[in-house]
Amino acid sequence: MTPRHEIVRYSTLSVLEAIRALGAVLVERVAHAAKILRHRRDLEFLAGLDDRMLKDIGLTRSDLRFALSEPLWRDPGAALIGRVGQRGAGKNRASSVPSIVPAPGRWDARAIHSPGRAPRRAA
């Protein structure tokens, strides 16, 4: 094969790789735009709820207004999460909440059966 043929072959491969990379970036951007639009639609739904329902899920009208005031190219869901997360960062979490995870070294067959019943034995 002549050097010219090799140059054409490698340049064709690099053009195909560039087109493939461009396509991957384009697909990623379209998926991101769809995610932003979906989050905006979800926030519009939340804005239709009354204040009591918003309070039940830990939101306020001003949180929704703040998130929806983001420019179109920014994700309003991320802004809402950031704002609500800042508000909850200073709160102390209850330490008396029981854990459902068994204590280390205490995991055995008796732990998964009800207290009144003995585990079955294999015959």
PDB file of N, CA and C in Angstrom:
ATOM      1  N   MET A   1       0.841  -1.167   0.000  1.00  0.00           N
ATOM      2  CA  MET A   1       0.000   0.000   0.000  1.00  0.00           C
ATOM      3  C   MET A   1       0.896   1.242   0.000  1.00  0.00           C
ATOM      4  N   THR A   2       0.512   2.195  -0.786  1.00  0.00           N
ATOM      5  CA  THR A   2       1.323   3.415  -0.889  1.00  0.00           C
ATOM      6  C   THR A   2       1.051   4.337   0.295  1.00  0.00           C
ATOM      7  N   PRO A   3       1.968   5.229   0.572  1.00  0.00           N
ATOM      8  CA  PRO A   3       1.760   6.172   1.681  1.00  0.00           C
ATOM      9  C   PRO A   3       0.507   7.021   1.497  1.00  0.00           C
ATOM     10  N   ARG A   4       0.179   7.318   0.232  1.00  0.00           N
ATOM     11  CA  ARG A   4      -1.022   8.126  -0.009  1.00  0.00           C
ATOM     12  C   ARG A   4      -2.281   7.379   0.411  1.00  0.00           C
ATOM     13  N   HIS A   5      -2.351   6.093   0.119  1.00  0.00           N
ATOM     14  CA  HIS A   5      -3.507   5.290   0.513  1.00  0.00           C
ATOM     15  C   HIS A   5      -3.632   5.209   2.039  1.00  0.00           C
ATOM     16  N   GLU A   6      -2.486   5.099   2.711  1.00  0.00           N
ATOM     17  CA  GLU A   6      -2.514   5.048   4.172  1.00  0.00           C
ATOM     18  C   GLU A   6      -3.007   6.374   4.751  1.00  0.00           C
ATOM     19  N   ILE A   7      -2.589   7.470   4.175  1.00  0.00           N
ATOM     20  CA  ILE A   7      -3.036   8.786   4.644  1.00  0.00           C
ATOM     21  C   ILE A   7      -4.538   8.924   4.471  1.00  0.00           C
ATOM     22  N   VAL A   8      -5.051   8.514   3.318  1.00  0.00           N
ATOM     23  CA  VAL A   8      -6.496   8.600   3.063  1.00  0.00           C
ATOM     24  C   VAL A   8      -7.251   7.700   4.040  1.00  0.00           C
ATOM     25  N   ARG A   9      -6.726   6.501   4.266  1.00  0.00           N
ATOM     26  CA  ARG A   9      -7.398   5.581   5.178  1.00  0.00           C
ATOM     27  C   ARG A   9      -7.442   6.136   6.603  1.00  0.00           C
ATOM     28  N   TYR A  10      -6.325   6.653   7.098  1.00  0.00           N
ATOM     29  CA  TYR A  10      -6.290   7.198   8.456  1.00  0.00           C
ATOM     30  C   TYR A  10      -7.120   8.471   8.585  1.00  0.00           C
ATOM     31  N   SER A  11      -7.126   9.277   7.532  1.00  0.00           N
ATOM     32  CA  SER A  11      -7.940  10.497   7.615  1.00  0.00           C
ATOM     33  C   SER A  11      -9.427  10.148   7.591  1.00  0.00           C
ATOM     34  N   THR A  12      -9.797   9.121   6.855  1.00  0.00           N
ATOM     35  CA  THR A  12     -11.190   8.690   6.841  1.00  0.00           C
ATOM     36  C   THR A  12     -11.599   8.164   8.213  1.00  0.00           C
ATOM     37  N   LEU A  13     -10.713   7.393   8.837  1.00  0.00           N
ATOM     38  CA  LEU A  13     -11.010   6.880  10.172  1.00  0.00           C
ATOM     39  C   LEU A  13     -11.148   8.019  11.178  1.00  0.00           C
ATOM     40  N   SER A  14     -10.274   9.012  11.095  1.00  0.00           N
ATOM     41  CA  SER A  14     -10.347  10.102  12.063  1.00  0.00           C
ATOM     42  C   SER A  14     -11.605  10.946  11.846  1.00  0.00           C
ATOM     43  N   VAL A  15     -12.039  11.097  10.583  1.00  0.00           N
ATOM     44  CA  VAL A  15     -13.278  11.835  10.317  1.00  0.00           C
ATOM     45  C   VAL A  15     -14.471  11.062  10.881  1.00  0.00           C
ATOM     46  N   LEU A  16     -14.492   9.755  10.708  1.00  0.00           N
ATOM     47  CA  LEU A  16     -15.575   8.942  11.256  1.00  0.00           C
ATOM     48  C   LEU A  16     -15.587   8.990  12.782  1.00  0.00           C
ATOM     49  N   GLU A  17     -14.407   8.970  13.401  1.00  0.00           N
ATOM     50  CA  GLU A  17     -14.337   9.076  14.861  1.00  0.00           C
ATOM     51  C   GLU A  17     -14.834  10.437  15.327  1.00  0.00           C
ATOM     52  N   ALA A  18     -14.505  11.489  14.587  1.00  0.00           N
ATOM     53  CA  ALA A  18     -14.964  12.828  14.946  1.00  0.00           C
ATOM     54  C   ALA A  18     -16.483  12.935  14.821  1.00  0.00           C
ATOM     55  N   ILE A  19     -17.050  12.342  13.771  1.00  0.00           N
ATOM     56  CA  ILE A  19     -18.504  12.364  13.595  1.00  0.00           C
ATOM     57  C   ILE A  19     -19.175  11.575  14.714  1.00  0.00           C
ATOM     58  N   ARG A  20     -18.599  10.435  15.076  1.00  0.00           N
ATOM     59  CA  ARG A  20     -19.153   9.637  16.157  1.00  0.00           C
ATOM     60  C   ARG A  20     -19.099  10.413  17.484  1.00  0.00           C
ATOM     61  N   ALA A  21     -18.000  11.085  17.760  1.00  0.00           N
ATOM     62  CA  ALA A  21     -17.873  11.864  18.991  1.00  0.00           C
ATOM     63  C   ALA A  21     -18.847  13.033  18.996  1.00  0.00           C
ATOM     64  N   LEU A  22     -19.011  13.678  17.850  1.00  0.00           N
ATOM     65  CA  LEU A  22     -19.956  14.786  17.741  1.00  0.00           C
ATOM     66  C   LEU A  22     -21.386  14.291  17.968  1.00  0.00           C
ATOM     67  N   GLY A  23     -21.697  13.135  17.427  1.00  0.00           N
ATOM     68  CA  GLY A  23     -23.022  12.553  17.639  1.00  0.00           C
ATOM     69  C   GLY A  23     -23.269  12.232  19.107  1.00  0.00           C
ATOM     70  N   ALA A  24     -22.242  11.719  19.791  1.00  0.00           N
ATOM     71  CA  ALA A  24     -22.388  11.403  21.216  1.00  0.00           C
ATOM     72  C   ALA A  24     -22.620  12.673  22.028  1.00  0.00           C
ATOM     73  N   VAL A  25     -21.901  13.732  21.699  1.00  0.00           N
ATOM     74  CA  VAL A  25     -22.091  15.002  22.404  1.00  0.00           C
ATOM     75  C   VAL A  25     -23.487  15.553  22.133  1.00  0.00           C
ATOM     76  N   LEU A  26     -23.937  15.448  20.910  1.00  0.00           N
ATOM     77  CA  LEU A  26     -25.268  15.939  20.553  1.00  0.00           C
ATOM     78  C   LEU A  26     -26.362  15.171  21.304  1.00  0.00           C
ATOM     79  N   VAL A  27     -26.232  13.862  21.370  1.00  0.00           N
ATOM     80  CA  VAL A  27     -27.208  13.051  22.100  1.00  0.00           C
ATOM     81  C   VAL A  27     -27.206  13.431  23.577  1.00  0.00           C
ATOM     82  N   GLU A  28     -26.026  13.643  24.144  1.00  0.00           N
ATOM     83  CA  GLU A  28     -25.922  14.035  25.552  1.00  0.00           C
ATOM     84  C   GLU A  28     -26.597  15.388  25.800  1.00  0.00           C
ATOM     85  N   ARG A  29     -26.398  16.339  24.898  1.00  0.00           N
ATOM     86  CA  ARG A  29     -27.010  17.668  25.062  1.00  0.00           C
ATOM     87  C   ARG A  29     -28.531  17.608  24.950  1.00  0.00           C
ATOM     88  N   VAL A  30     -29.032  16.820  24.023  1.00  0.00           N
ATOM     89  CA  VAL A  30     -30.478  16.685  23.861  1.00  0.00           C
ATOM     90  C   VAL A  30     -31.092  16.020  25.093  1.00  0.00           C
ATOM     91  N   ALA A  31     -30.416  15.011  25.633  1.00  0.00           N
ATOM     92  CA  ALA A  31     -30.913  14.345  26.838  1.00  0.00           C
ATOM     93  C   ALA A  31     -30.917  15.317  28.021  1.00  0.00           C
ATOM     94  N   HIS A  32     -29.893  16.146  28.129  1.00  0.00           N
ATOM     95  CA  HIS A  32     -29.829  17.133  29.213  1.00  0.00           C
ATOM     96  C   HIS A  32     -30.955  18.166  29.067  1.00  0.00           C
ATOM     97  N   ALA A  33     -31.208  18.610  27.845  1.00  0.00           N
ATOM     98  CA  ALA A  33     -32.294  19.576  27.609  1.00  0.00           C
ATOM     99  C   ALA A  33     -33.647  18.951  27.951  1.00  0.00           C
ATOM    100  N   ALA A  34     -33.837  17.696  27.609  1.00  0.00           N
ATOM    101  CA  ALA A  34     -35.094  17.010  27.947  1.00  0.00           C
ATOM    102  C   ALA A  34     -35.260  16.896  29.455  1.00  0.00           C
ATOM    103  N   LYS A  35     -34.166  16.639  30.164  1.00  0.00           N
ATOM    104  CA  LYS A  35     -34.214  16.560  31.627  1.00  0.00           C
ATOM    105  C   LYS A  35     -34.591  17.908  32.233  1.00  0.00           C
ATOM    106  N   ILE A  36     -34.026  18.983  31.714  1.00  0.00           N
ATOM    107  CA  ILE A  36     -34.346  20.325  32.216  1.00  0.00           C
ATOM    108  C   ILE A  36     -35.822  20.634  31.988  1.00  0.00           C
ATOM    109  N   LEU A  37     -36.331  20.323  30.805  1.00  0.00           N
ATOM    110  CA  LEU A  37     -37.751  20.572  30.512  1.00  0.00           C
ATOM    111  C   LEU A  37     -38.664  19.726  31.395  1.00  0.00           C
ATOM    112  N   ARG A  38     -38.271  18.490  31.660  1.00  0.00           N
ATOM    113  CA  ARG A  38     -39.064  17.629  32.535  1.00  0.00           C
ATOM    114  C   ARG A  38     -39.097  18.192  33.956  1.00  0.00           C
ATOM    115  N   HIS A  39     -37.956  18.698  34.435  1.00  0.00           N
ATOM    116  CA  HIS A  39     -37.918  19.293  35.775  1.00  0.00           C
ATOM    117  C   HIS A  39     -38.767  20.561  35.840  1.00  0.00           C
ATOM    118  N   ARG A  40     -38.757  21.352  34.775  1.00  0.00           N
ATOM    119  CA  ARG A  40     -39.605  22.544  34.751  1.00  0.00           C
ATOM    120  C   ARG A  40     -41.082  22.170  34.801  1.00  0.00           C
ATOM    121  N   ARG A  41     -41.450  21.131  34.067  1.00  0.00           N
ATOM    122  CA  ARG A  41     -42.838  20.674  34.072  1.00  0.00           C
ATOM    123  C   ARG A  41     -43.233  20.163  35.461  1.00  0.00           C
ATOM    124  N   ASP A  42     -42.322  19.443  36.121  1.00  0.00           N
ATOM    125  CA  ASP A  42     -42.594  18.966  37.474  1.00  0.00           C
ATOM    126  C   ASP A  42     -42.769  20.129  38.447  1.00  0.00           C
ATOM    127  N   LEU A  43     -41.958  21.164  38.301  1.00  0.00           N
ATOM    128  CA  LEU A  43     -42.084  22.332  39.177  1.00  0.00           C
ATOM    129  C   LEU A  43     -43.382  23.083  38.908  1.00  0.00           C
ATOM    130  N   GLU A  44     -43.807  23.114  37.670  1.00  0.00           N
ATOM    131  CA  GLU A  44     -45.098  23.731  37.354  1.00  0.00           C
ATOM    132  C   GLU A  44     -46.231  22.958  38.043  1.00  0.00           C
ATOM    133  N   PHE A  45     -46.126  21.640  38.072  1.00  0.00           N
ATOM    134  CA  PHE A  45     -47.121  20.838  38.773  1.00  0.00           C
ATOM    135  C   PHE A  45     -47.108  21.162  40.264  1.00  0.00           C
ATOM    136  N   LEU A  46     -45.905  21.241  40.856  1.00  0.00           N
ATOM    137  CA  LEU A  46     -45.802  21.566  42.277  1.00  0.00           C
ATOM    138  C   LEU A  46     -46.373  22.949  42.573  1.00  0.00           C
ATOM    139  N   ALA A  47     -46.215  23.873  41.631  1.00  0.00           N
ATOM    140  CA  ALA A  47     -46.752  25.222  41.838  1.00  0.00           C
ATOM    141  C   ALA A  47     -48.274  25.208  41.897  1.00  0.00           C
ATOM    142  N   GLY A  48     -48.894  24.198  41.331  1.00  0.00           N
ATOM    143  CA  GLY A  48     -50.340  24.086  41.378  1.00  0.00           C
ATOM    144  C   GLY A  48     -50.880  23.555  42.694  1.00  0.00           C
ATOM    145  N   LEU A  49     -49.997  23.051  43.552  1.00  0.00           N
ATOM    146  CA  LEU A  49     -50.429  22.539  44.853  1.00  0.00           C
ATOM    147  C   LEU A  49     -50.661  23.695  45.820  1.00  0.00           C
ATOM    148  N   ASP A  50     -51.480  23.468  46.838  1.00  0.00           N
ATOM    149  CA  ASP A  50     -51.695  24.527  47.826  1.00  0.00           C
ATOM    150  C   ASP A  50     -50.543  24.539  48.841  1.00  0.00           C
ATOM    151  N   ASP A  51     -50.482  25.595  49.648  1.00  0.00           N
ATOM    152  CA  ASP A  51     -49.366  25.802  50.564  1.00  0.00           C
ATOM    153  C   ASP A  51     -49.236  24.684  51.599  1.00  0.00           C
ATOM    154  N   ARG A  52     -50.347  24.142  52.033  1.00  0.00           N
ATOM    155  CA  ARG A  52     -50.306  23.067  53.023  1.00  0.00           C
ATOM    156  C   ARG A  52     -49.612  21.831  52.450  1.00  0.00           C
ATOM    157  N   MET A  53     -49.944  21.498  51.215  1.00  0.00           N
ATOM    158  CA  MET A  53     -49.321  20.330  50.582  1.00  0.00           C
ATOM    159  C   MET A  53     -47.833  20.560  50.347  1.00  0.00           C
ATOM    160  N   LEU A  54     -47.472  21.784  49.965  1.00  0.00           N
ATOM    161  CA  LEU A  54     -46.058  22.090  49.773  1.00  0.00           C
ATOM    162  C   LEU A  54     -45.301  21.973  51.088  1.00  0.00           C
ATOM    163  N   LYS A  55     -45.923  22.437  52.176  1.00  0.00           N
ATOM    164  CA  LYS A  55     -45.281  22.356  53.483  1.00  0.00           C
ATOM    165  C   LYS A  55     -45.070  20.902  53.889  1.00  0.00           C
ATOM    166  N   ASP A  56     -46.012  20.039  53.523  1.00  0.00           N
ATOM    167  CA  ASP A  56     -45.874  18.619  53.846  1.00  0.00           C
ATOM    168  C   ASP A  56     -44.632  17.997  53.213  1.00  0.00           C
ATOM    169  N   ILE A  57     -44.253  18.465  52.048  1.00  0.00           N
ATOM    170  CA  ILE A  57     -43.060  17.913  51.396  1.00  0.00           C
ATOM    171  C   ILE A  57     -41.829  18.786  51.605  1.00  0.00           C
ATOM    172  N   GLY A  58     -41.960  19.804  52.458  1.00  0.00           N
ATOM    173  CA  GLY A  58     -40.797  20.607  52.834  1.00  0.00           C
ATOM    174  C   GLY A  58     -40.454  21.730  51.887  1.00  0.00           C
ATOM    175  N   LEU A  59     -41.432  22.225  51.137  1.00  0.00           N
ATOM    176  CA  LEU A  59     -41.194  23.308  50.188  1.00  0.00           C
ATOM    177  C   LEU A  59     -42.064  24.512  50.515  1.00  0.00           C
ATOM    178  N   THR A  60     -41.672  25.657  49.982  1.00  0.00           N
ATOM    179  CA  THR A  60     -42.481  26.866  50.093  1.00  0.00           C
ATOM    180  C   THR A  60     -42.678  27.438  48.700  1.00  0.00           C
ATOM    181  N   ARG A  61     -43.594  28.380  48.587  1.00  0.00           N
ATOM    182  CA  ARG A  61     -43.815  29.047  47.297  1.00  0.00           C
ATOM    183  C   ARG A  61     -42.542  29.767  46.839  1.00  0.00           C
ATOM    184  N   SER A  62     -41.828  30.362  47.781  1.00  0.00           N
ATOM    185  CA  SER A  62     -40.622  31.091  47.389  1.00  0.00           C
ATOM    186  C   SER A  62     -39.548  30.139  46.858  1.00  0.00           C
ATOM    187  N   ASP A  63     -39.494  28.902  47.369  1.00  0.00           N
ATOM    188  CA  ASP A  63     -38.565  27.905  46.821  1.00  0.00           C
ATOM    189  C   ASP A  63     -38.877  27.637  45.358  1.00  0.00           C
ATOM    190  N   LEU A  64     -40.165  27.480  45.051  1.00  0.00           N
ATOM    191  CA  LEU A  64     -40.567  27.214  43.665  1.00  0.00           C
ATOM    192  C   LEU A  64     -40.286  28.413  42.765  1.00  0.00           C
ATOM    193  N   ARG A  65     -40.585  29.617  43.273  1.00  0.00           N
ATOM    194  CA  ARG A  65     -40.305  30.821  42.481  1.00  0.00           C
ATOM    195  C   ARG A  65     -38.824  30.956  42.198  1.00  0.00           C
ATOM    196  N   PHE A  66     -38.008  30.668  43.214  1.00  0.00           N
ATOM    197  CA  PHE A  66     -36.559  30.745  43.055  1.00  0.00           C
ATOM    198  C   PHE A  66     -36.081  29.770  41.981  1.00  0.00           C
ATOM    199  N   ALA A  67     -36.563  28.532  42.039  1.00  0.00           N
ATOM    200  CA  ALA A  67     -36.128  27.517  41.082  1.00  0.00           C
ATOM    201  C   ALA A  67     -36.598  27.854  39.665  1.00  0.00           C
ATOM    202  N   LEU A  68     -37.819  28.342  39.538  1.00  0.00           N
ATOM    203  CA  LEU A  68     -38.344  28.656  38.202  1.00  0.00           C
ATOM    204  C   LEU A  68     -37.772  29.951  37.638  1.00  0.00           C
ATOM    205  N   SER A  69     -37.087  30.750  38.459  1.00  0.00           N
ATOM    206  CA  SER A  69     -36.482  31.978  37.953  1.00  0.00           C
ATOM    207  C   SER A  69     -35.118  31.722  37.304  1.00  0.00           C
ATOM    208  N   GLU A  70     -34.645  30.485  37.352  1.00  0.00           N
ATOM    209  CA  GLU A  70     -33.380  30.144  36.706  1.00  0.00           C
ATOM    210  C   GLU A  70     -33.511  30.322  35.191  1.00  0.00           C
ATOM    211  N   PRO A  71     -32.404  30.673  34.524  1.00  0.00           N
ATOM    212  CA  PRO A  71     -32.458  30.756  33.050  1.00  0.00           C
ATOM    213  C   PRO A  71     -32.826  29.404  32.435  1.00  0.00           C
ATOM    214  N   LEU A  72     -33.295  29.433  31.201  1.00  0.00           N
ATOM    215  CA  LEU A  72     -33.773  28.204  30.549  1.00  0.00           C
ATOM    216  C   LEU A  72     -32.698  27.136  30.403  1.00  0.00           C
ATOM    217  N   TRP A  73     -31.441  27.512  30.319  1.00  0.00           N
ATOM    218  CA  TRP A  73     -30.388  26.531  30.106  1.00  0.00           C
ATOM    219  C   TRP A  73     -29.891  25.906  31.422  1.00  0.00           C
ATOM    220  N   ARG A  74     -30.388  26.373  32.558  1.00  0.00           N
ATOM    221  CA  ARG A  74     -30.011  25.792  33.845  1.00  0.00           C
ATOM    222  C   ARG A  74     -31.126  24.900  34.368  1.00  0.00           C
ATOM    223  N   ASP A  75     -30.734  23.887  35.127  1.00  0.00           N
ATOM    224  CA  ASP A  75     -31.686  22.925  35.667  1.00  0.00           C
ATOM    225  C   ASP A  75     -32.356  23.505  36.914  1.00  0.00           C
ATOM    226  N   PRO A  76     -33.673  23.732  36.876  1.00  0.00           N
ATOM    227  CA  PRO A  76     -34.343  24.279  38.057  1.00  0.00           C
ATOM    228  C   PRO A  76     -34.413  23.275  39.205  1.00  0.00           C
ATOM    229  N   GLY A  77     -34.377  22.002  38.897  1.00  0.00           N
ATOM    230  CA  GLY A  77     -34.397  20.981  39.938  1.00  0.00           C
ATOM    231  C   GLY A  77     -33.146  21.051  40.803  1.00  0.00           C
ATOM    232  N   ALA A  78     -31.995  21.282  40.179  1.00  0.00           N
ATOM    233  CA  ALA A  78     -30.752  21.403  40.931  1.00  0.00           C
ATOM    234  C   ALA A  78     -30.780  22.646  41.827  1.00  0.00           C
ATOM    235  N   ALA A  79     -31.352  23.743  41.328  1.00  0.00           N
ATOM    236  CA  ALA A  79     -31.460  24.961  42.136  1.00  0.00           C
ATOM    237  C   ALA A  79     -32.380  24.728  43.334  1.00  0.00           C
ATOM    238  N   LEU A  80     -33.467  24.018  43.120  1.00  0.00           N
ATOM    239  CA  LEU A  80     -34.409  23.735  44.207  1.00  0.00           C
ATOM    240  C   LEU A  80     -33.761  22.836  45.258  1.00  0.00           C
ATOM    241  N   ILE A  81     -33.059  21.823  44.823  1.00  0.00           N
ATOM    242  CA  ILE A  81     -32.381  20.920  45.751  1.00  0.00           C
ATOM    243  C   ILE A  81     -31.330  21.677  46.552  1.00  0.00           C
ATOM    244  N   GLY A  82     -30.591  22.551  45.883  1.00  0.00           N
ATOM    245  CA  GLY A  82     -29.581  23.336  46.586  1.00  0.00           C
ATOM    246  C   GLY A  82     -30.180  24.253  47.628  1.00  0.00           C
ATOM    247  N   ARG A  83     -31.285  24.898  47.287  1.00  0.00           N
ATOM    248  CA  ARG A  83     -31.914  25.819  48.236  1.00  0.00           C
ATOM    249  C   ARG A  83     -32.509  25.090  49.432  1.00  0.00           C
ATOM    250  N   VAL A  84     -33.213  24.001  49.193  1.00  0.00           N
ATOM    251  CA  VAL A  84     -33.822  23.253  50.284  1.00  0.00           C
ATOM    252  C   VAL A  84     -32.734  22.575  51.112  1.00  0.00           C
ATOM    253  N   GLY A  85     -31.667  22.124  50.464  1.00  0.00           N
ATOM    254  CA  GLY A  85     -30.564  21.502  51.192  1.00  0.00           C
ATOM    255  C   GLY A  85     -29.863  22.469  52.122  1.00  0.00           C
ATOM    256  N   GLN A  86     -29.732  23.738  51.712  1.00  0.00           N
ATOM    257  CA  GLN A  86     -29.118  24.747  52.580  1.00  0.00           C
ATOM    258  C   GLN A  86     -29.963  24.958  53.824  1.00  0.00           C
ATOM    259  N   ARG A  87     -31.241  24.952  53.656  1.00  0.00           N
ATOM    260  CA  ARG A  87     -32.143  25.181  54.781  1.00  0.00           C
ATOM    261  C   ARG A  87     -32.056  24.039  55.788  1.00  0.00           C
ATOM    262  N   GLY A  88     -31.905  22.813  55.313  1.00  0.00           N
ATOM    263  CA  GLY A  88     -31.861  21.671  56.207  1.00  0.00           C
ATOM    264  C   GLY A  88     -30.472  21.328  56.709  1.00  0.00           C
ATOM    265  N   ALA A  89     -29.437  22.049  56.251  1.00  0.00           N
ATOM    266  CA  ALA A  89     -28.070  21.706  56.633  1.00  0.00           C
ATOM    267  C   ALA A  89     -27.793  21.961  58.105  1.00  0.00           C
ATOM    268  N   GLY A  90     -28.423  22.976  58.706  1.00  0.00           N
ATOM    269  CA  GLY A  90     -28.144  23.304  60.089  1.00  0.00           C
ATOM    270  C   GLY A  90     -28.956  22.523  61.096  1.00  0.00           C
ATOM    271  N   LYS A  91     -29.907  21.746  60.627  1.00  0.00           N
ATOM    272  CA  LYS A  91     -30.771  21.018  61.549  1.00  0.00           C
ATOM    273  C   LYS A  91     -30.056  19.783  62.097  1.00  0.00           C
ATOM    274  N   ASN A  92     -30.314  19.534  63.364  1.00  0.00           N
ATOM    275  CA  ASN A  92     -29.792  18.309  63.972  1.00  0.00           C
ATOM    276  C   ASN A  92     -30.759  17.173  63.675  1.00  0.00           C
ATOM    277  N   ARG A  93     -30.216  16.079  63.265  1.00  0.00           N
ATOM    278  CA  ARG A  93     -31.044  14.915  62.990  1.00  0.00           C
ATOM    279  C   ARG A  93     -31.260  14.135  64.288  1.00  0.00           C
ATOM    280  N   ALA A  94     -32.408  13.541  64.418  1.00  0.00           N
ATOM    281  CA  ALA A  94     -32.709  12.766  65.615  1.00  0.00           C
ATOM    282  C   ALA A  94     -31.788  11.557  65.679  1.00  0.00           C
ATOM    283  N   SER A  95     -31.104  11.391  66.789  1.00  0.00           N
ATOM    284  CA  SER A  95     -30.192  10.255  66.921  1.00  0.00           C
ATOM    285  C   SER A  95     -30.889   9.051  67.539  1.00  0.00           C
ATOM    286  N   SER A  96     -32.129   9.236  67.985  1.00  0.00           N
ATOM    287  CA  SER A  96     -32.819   8.135  68.629  1.00  0.00           C
ATOM    288  C   SER A  96     -33.654   7.310  67.658  1.00  0.00           C
ATOM    289  N   VAL A  97     -33.518   7.571  66.386  1.00  0.00           N
ATOM    290  CA  VAL A  97     -34.266   6.799  65.395  1.00  0.00           C
ATOM    291  C   VAL A  97     -33.655   5.406  65.319  1.00  0.00           C
ATOM    292  N   PRO A  98     -34.446   4.365  65.508  1.00  0.00           N
ATOM    293  CA  PRO A  98     -33.881   3.015  65.505  1.00  0.00           C
ATOM    294  C   PRO A  98     -33.424   2.614  64.111  1.00  0.00           C
ATOM    295  N   SER A  99     -32.380   1.837  64.083  1.00  0.00           N
ATOM    296  CA  SER A  99     -31.850   1.342  62.828  1.00  0.00           C
ATOM    297  C   SER A  99     -32.470  -0.004  62.498  1.00  0.00           C
ATOM    298  N   ILE A 100     -32.688  -0.260  61.226  1.00  0.00           N
ATOM    299  CA  ILE A 100     -33.210  -1.564  60.819  1.00  0.00           C
ATOM    300  C   ILE A 100     -32.077  -2.524  60.480  1.00  0.00           C
ATOM    301  N   VAL A 101     -30.847  -2.019  60.519  1.00  0.00           N
ATOM    302  CA  VAL A 101     -29.691  -2.848  60.209  1.00  0.00           C
ATOM    303  C   VAL A 101     -29.265  -3.578  61.473  1.00  0.00           C
ATOM    304  N   PRO A 102     -29.074  -4.893  61.418  1.00  0.00           N
ATOM    305  CA  PRO A 102     -28.660  -5.619  62.617  1.00  0.00           C
ATOM    306  C   PRO A 102     -27.258  -5.191  63.060  1.00  0.00           C
ATOM    307  N   ALA A 103     -27.013  -5.309  64.349  1.00  0.00           N
ATOM    308  CA  ALA A 103     -25.705  -4.960  64.893  1.00  0.00           C
ATOM    309  C   ALA A 103     -24.654  -5.905  64.324  1.00  0.00           C
ATOM    310  N   PRO A 104     -23.423  -5.452  64.170  1.00  0.00           N
ATOM    311  CA  PRO A 104     -22.368  -6.319  63.629  1.00  0.00           C
ATOM    312  C   PRO A 104     -22.185  -7.555  64.497  1.00  0.00           C
ATOM    313  N   GLY A 105     -22.059  -8.693  63.874  1.00  0.00           N
ATOM    314  CA  GLY A 105     -21.841  -9.944  64.585  1.00  0.00           C
ATOM    315  C   GLY A 105     -23.117 -10.570  65.127  1.00  0.00           C
ATOM    316  N   ARG A 106     -24.248  -9.934  64.956  1.00  0.00           N
ATOM    317  CA  ARG A 106     -25.506 -10.445  65.494  1.00  0.00           C
ATOM    318  C   ARG A 106     -26.399 -11.004  64.390  1.00  0.00           C
ATOM    319  N   TRP A 107     -25.912 -11.122  63.201  1.00  0.00           N
ATOM    320  CA  TRP A 107     -26.713 -11.590  62.079  1.00  0.00           C
ATOM    321  C   TRP A 107     -26.670 -13.105  62.045  1.00  0.00           C
ATOM    322  N   ASP A 108     -27.778 -13.738  62.322  1.00  0.00           N
ATOM    323  CA  ASP A 108     -27.868 -15.190  62.249  1.00  0.00           C
ATOM    324  C   ASP A 108     -29.275 -15.577  61.812  1.00  0.00           C
ATOM    325  N   ALA A 109     -29.564 -16.844  61.766  1.00  0.00           N
ATOM    326  CA  ALA A 109     -30.856 -17.317  61.273  1.00  0.00           C
ATOM    327  C   ALA A 109     -31.994 -16.878  62.170  1.00  0.00           C
ATOM    328  N   ARG A 110     -31.764 -16.730  63.476  1.00  0.00           N
ATOM    329  CA  ARG A 110     -32.828 -16.325  64.383  1.00  0.00           C
ATOM    330  C   ARG A 110     -33.280 -14.889  64.124  1.00  0.00           C
ATOM    331  N   ALA A 111     -32.407 -14.058  63.595  1.00  0.00           N
ATOM    332  CA  ALA A 111     -32.742 -12.647  63.397  1.00  0.00           C
ATOM    333  C   ALA A 111     -33.788 -12.454  62.314  1.00  0.00           C
ATOM    334  N   ILE A 112     -33.923 -13.388  61.397  1.00  0.00           N
ATOM    335  CA  ILE A 112     -34.854 -13.179  60.300  1.00  0.00           C
ATOM    336  C   ILE A 112     -36.198 -13.864  60.525  1.00  0.00           C
ATOM    337  N   HIS A 113     -36.371 -14.592  61.620  1.00  0.00           N
ATOM    338  CA  HIS A 113     -37.632 -15.261  61.922  1.00  0.00           C
ATOM    339  C   HIS A 113     -38.361 -14.501  63.012  1.00  0.00           C
ATOM    340  N   SER A 114     -39.662 -14.714  63.067  1.00  0.00           N
ATOM    341  CA  SER A 114     -40.431 -14.064  64.120  1.00  0.00           C
ATOM    342  C   SER A 114     -40.055 -14.688  65.466  1.00  0.00           C
ATOM    343  N   PRO A 115     -40.172 -13.934  66.563  1.00  0.00           N
ATOM    344  CA  PRO A 115     -39.710 -14.433  67.859  1.00  0.00           C
ATOM    345  C   PRO A 115     -40.454 -15.671  68.345  1.00  0.00           C
ATOM    346  N   GLY A 116     -41.704 -15.881  67.971  1.00  0.00           N
ATOM    347  CA  GLY A 116     -42.472 -17.002  68.482  1.00  0.00           C
ATOM    348  C   GLY A 116     -42.243 -18.303  67.745  1.00  0.00           C
ATOM    349  N   ARG A 117     -41.580 -18.259  66.611  1.00  0.00           N
ATOM    350  CA  ARG A 117     -41.423 -19.454  65.808  1.00  0.00           C
ATOM    351  C   ARG A 117     -39.956 -19.855  65.718  1.00  0.00           C
ATOM    352  N   ALA A 118     -39.729 -21.122  65.823  1.00  0.00           N
ATOM    353  CA  ALA A 118     -38.364 -21.631  65.664  1.00  0.00           C
ATOM    354  C   ALA A 118     -38.102 -21.839  64.172  1.00  0.00           C
ATOM    355  N   PRO A 119     -36.881 -21.632  63.734  1.00  0.00           N
ATOM    356  CA  PRO A 119     -36.580 -21.848  62.327  1.00  0.00           C
ATOM    357  C   PRO A 119     -36.700 -23.321  61.959  1.00  0.00           C
ATOM    358  N   ARG A 120     -37.106 -23.580  60.722  1.00  0.00           N
ATOM    359  CA  ARG A 120     -37.228 -24.955  60.243  1.00  0.00           C
ATOM    360  C   ARG A 120     -35.847 -25.554  60.060  1.00  0.00           C
ATOM    361  N   ARG A 121     -35.810 -26.824  60.305  1.00  0.00           N
ATOM    362  CA  ARG A 121     -34.547 -27.527  60.106  1.00  0.00           C
ATOM    363  C   ARG A 121     -34.665 -28.354  58.835  1.00  0.00           C
ATOM    364  N   ALA A 122     -33.581 -28.424  58.104  1.00  0.00           N
ATOM    365  CA  ALA A 122     -33.575 -29.216  56.867  1.00  0.00           C
ATOM    366  C   ALA A 122     -33.573 -30.692  57.213  1.00  0.00           C
ATOM    367  N   ALA A 123     -34.314 -31.502  56.450  1.00  0.00           N
ATOM    368  CA  ALA A 123     -34.417 -32.933  56.732  1.00  0.00           C
ATOM    369  C   ALA A 123     -33.276 -33.693  56.127  1.00  0.00           C
TER     370      ALA A 123
END
